[in-house]
C-alpha atoms as a PDB file:
ATOM      1  CA  MET A   1     175.158  70.094-109.710  1.00  0.00           C
ATOM      2  CA  PRO A   2     175.817  72.721-107.012  1.00  0.00           C
ATOM      3  CA  LYS A   3     176.865  71.550-103.566  1.00  0.00           C
ATOM      4  CA  GLN A   4     174.381  72.105-100.803  1.00  0.00           C
ATOM      5  CA  ILE A   5     175.584  73.664 -97.583  1.00  0.00           C
ATOM      6  CA  ARG A   6     173.728  72.949 -94.385  1.00  0.00           C
ATOM      7  CA  ILE A   7     174.123  75.318 -91.456  1.00  0.00           C
ATOM      8  CA  VAL A   8     173.461  73.718 -88.089  1.00  0.00           C
ATOM      9  CA  PRO A   9     174.043  75.017 -84.580  1.00  0.00           C
ATOM     10  CA  ILE A  10     177.119  73.684 -82.831  1.00  0.00           C
ATOM     11  CA  THR A  11     176.266  71.819 -79.676  1.00  0.00           C
ATOM     12  CA  GLU A  12     178.852  71.721 -76.951  1.00  0.00           C
ATOM     13  CA  GLN A  13     178.409  68.174 -75.748  1.00  0.00           C
ATOM     14  CA  ASP A  14     181.681  68.063 -73.847  1.00  0.00           C
ATOM     15  CA  LYS A  15     180.790  71.036 -71.672  1.00  0.00           C
ATOM     16  CA  GLY A  16     178.473  69.135 -69.318  1.00  0.00           C
ATOM     17  CA  GLN A  17     175.960  70.585 -66.910  1.00  0.00           C
ATOM     18  CA  ALA A  18     176.450  73.573 -64.627  1.00  0.00           C
ATOM     19  CA  ILE A  19     174.954  73.895 -61.155  1.00  0.00           C
ATOM     20  CA  THR A  20     174.366  77.339 -59.669  1.00  0.00           C
ATOM     21  CA  PHE A  21     173.997  77.774 -55.921  1.00  0.00           C
ATOM     22  CA  VAL A  22     174.130  80.585 -53.384  1.00  0.00           C
ATOM     23  CA  LEU A  23     176.731  80.654 -50.637  1.00  0.00           C
ATOM     24  CA  ALA A  24     175.621  82.366 -47.433  1.00  0.00           C
ATOM     25  CA  ASN A  25     178.522  84.213 -45.835  1.00  0.00           C
ATOM     26  CA  GLY A  26     177.025  86.090 -42.889  1.00  0.00           C
ATOM     27  CA  SER A  27     174.557  88.577 -44.308  1.00  0.00           C
ATOM     28  CA  VAL A  28     176.242  88.417 -47.726  1.00  0.00           C
ATOM     29  CA  ARG A  29     174.975  86.034 -50.414  1.00  0.00           C
ATOM     30  CA  GLN A  30     177.416  84.984 -53.110  1.00  0.00           C
ATOM     31  CA  ILE A  31     176.485  83.183 -56.331  1.00  0.00           C
ATOM     32  CA  CYS A  32     178.613  80.152 -57.178  1.00  0.00           C
ATOM     33  CA  ARG A  33     178.685  78.095 -60.358  1.00  0.00           C
ATOM     34  CA  LEU A  34     179.904  74.508 -60.500  1.00  0.00           C
ATOM     35  CA  GLN A  35     180.793  73.224 -63.975  1.00  0.00           C
ATOM     36  CA  THR A  36     180.524  69.439 -64.316  1.00  0.00           C
ATOM     37  CA  THR A  37     181.144  66.928 -67.086  1.00  0.00           C
ATOM     38  CA  PHE A  38     177.847  65.112 -66.509  1.00  0.00           C
ATOM     39  CA  ARG A  39     175.415  64.950 -69.408  1.00  0.00           C
ATOM     40  CA  THR A  40     172.207  65.264 -67.374  1.00  0.00           C
ATOM     41  CA  GLN A  41     171.112  67.780 -64.774  1.00  0.00           C
ATOM     42  CA  ASN A  42     170.091  64.962 -62.407  1.00  0.00           C
ATOM     43  CA  GLN A  43     173.595  63.469 -62.456  1.00  0.00           C
ATOM     44  CA  ALA A  44     175.117  66.881 -61.816  1.00  0.00           C
ATOM     45  CA  PHE A  45     172.759  67.605 -58.894  1.00  0.00           C
ATOM     46  CA  SER A  46     173.446  64.205 -57.359  1.00  0.00           C
ATOM     47  CA  TYR A  47     177.196  64.810 -57.557  1.00  0.00           C
ATOM     48  CA  PHE A  48     176.787  68.301 -56.101  1.00  0.00           C
ATOM     49  CA  HIS A  49     174.704  67.122 -53.145  1.00  0.00           C
ATOM     50  CA  LYS A  50     177.170  64.335 -52.308  1.00  0.00           C
ATOM     51  CA  ASN A  51     180.034  66.841 -52.215  1.00  0.00           C
ATOM     52  CA  ARG A  52     178.211  69.997 -51.111  1.00  0.00           C
ATOM     53  CA  THR A  53     180.256  70.684 -47.964  1.00  0.00           C
ATOM     54  CA  THR A  54     183.512  70.397 -49.903  1.00  0.00           C
ATOM     55  CA  PHE A  55     182.287  72.794 -52.597  1.00  0.00           C
ATOM     56  CA  GLU A  56     181.090  75.269 -49.972  1.00  0.00           C
ATOM     57  CA  ARG A  57     184.498  75.131 -48.255  1.00  0.00           C
ATOM     58  CA  VAL A  58     186.313  75.739 -51.555  1.00  0.00           C
ATOM     59  CA  ALA A  59     183.910  78.556 -52.466  1.00  0.00           C
ATOM     60  CA  ARG A  60     184.439  80.277 -49.101  1.00  0.00           C
ATOM     61  CA  ALA A  61     188.219  80.073 -49.551  1.00  0.00           C
ATOM     62  CA  ARG A  62     187.999  81.543 -53.051  1.00  0.00           C
ATOM     63  CA  PHE A  63     185.698  84.297 -51.821  1.00  0.00           C
ATOM     64  CA  ALA A  64     188.176  85.151 -49.045  1.00  0.00           C
ATOM     65  CA  ARG A  65     191.001  85.367 -51.625  1.00  0.00           C
ATOM     66  CA  GLY A  66     188.847  87.558 -53.873  1.00  0.00           C
ATOM     67  CA  GLU A  67     188.627  85.026 -56.709  1.00  0.00           C
ATOM     68  CA  VAL A  68     185.279  86.266 -57.994  1.00  0.00           C
ATOM     69  CA  GLU A  69     184.715  86.559 -61.756  1.00  0.00           C
ATOM     70  CA  ASP A  70     181.899  88.886 -62.832  1.00  0.00           C
ATOM     71  CA  GLY A  71     180.268  88.491 -59.411  1.00  0.00           C
ATOM     72  CA  VAL A  72     180.326  84.668 -59.559  1.00  0.00           C
ATOM     73  CA  ILE A  73     182.668  82.176 -57.934  1.00  0.00           C
ATOM     74  CA  GLN A  74     183.576  79.606 -60.609  1.00  0.00           C
ATOM     75  CA  LEU A  75     184.100  76.007 -59.455  1.00  0.00           C
ATOM     76  CA  THR A  76     184.923  72.810 -61.306  1.00  0.00           C
ATOM     77  CA  MET A  77     184.561  69.140 -60.444  1.00  0.00           C
ATOM     78  CA  LEU A  78     186.870  67.610 -57.835  1.00  0.00           C
END
């Protein structure tokens, strides 16, 4: 009897949710992306809103240092 092979898409469960927000720096708008380990979007948004000022401060510092990847400032959880 031949073996059956099943092809299924790989889900990246450990990646978590990403939040995208725009940082206003004078007249310039910069896209920022926060990668979290939370499984749901609601958990990620709650975490982001609780720590928003800290993430904005870190994003501004990275923007000033020129740490922009493909036009996006990449952030991770604190």
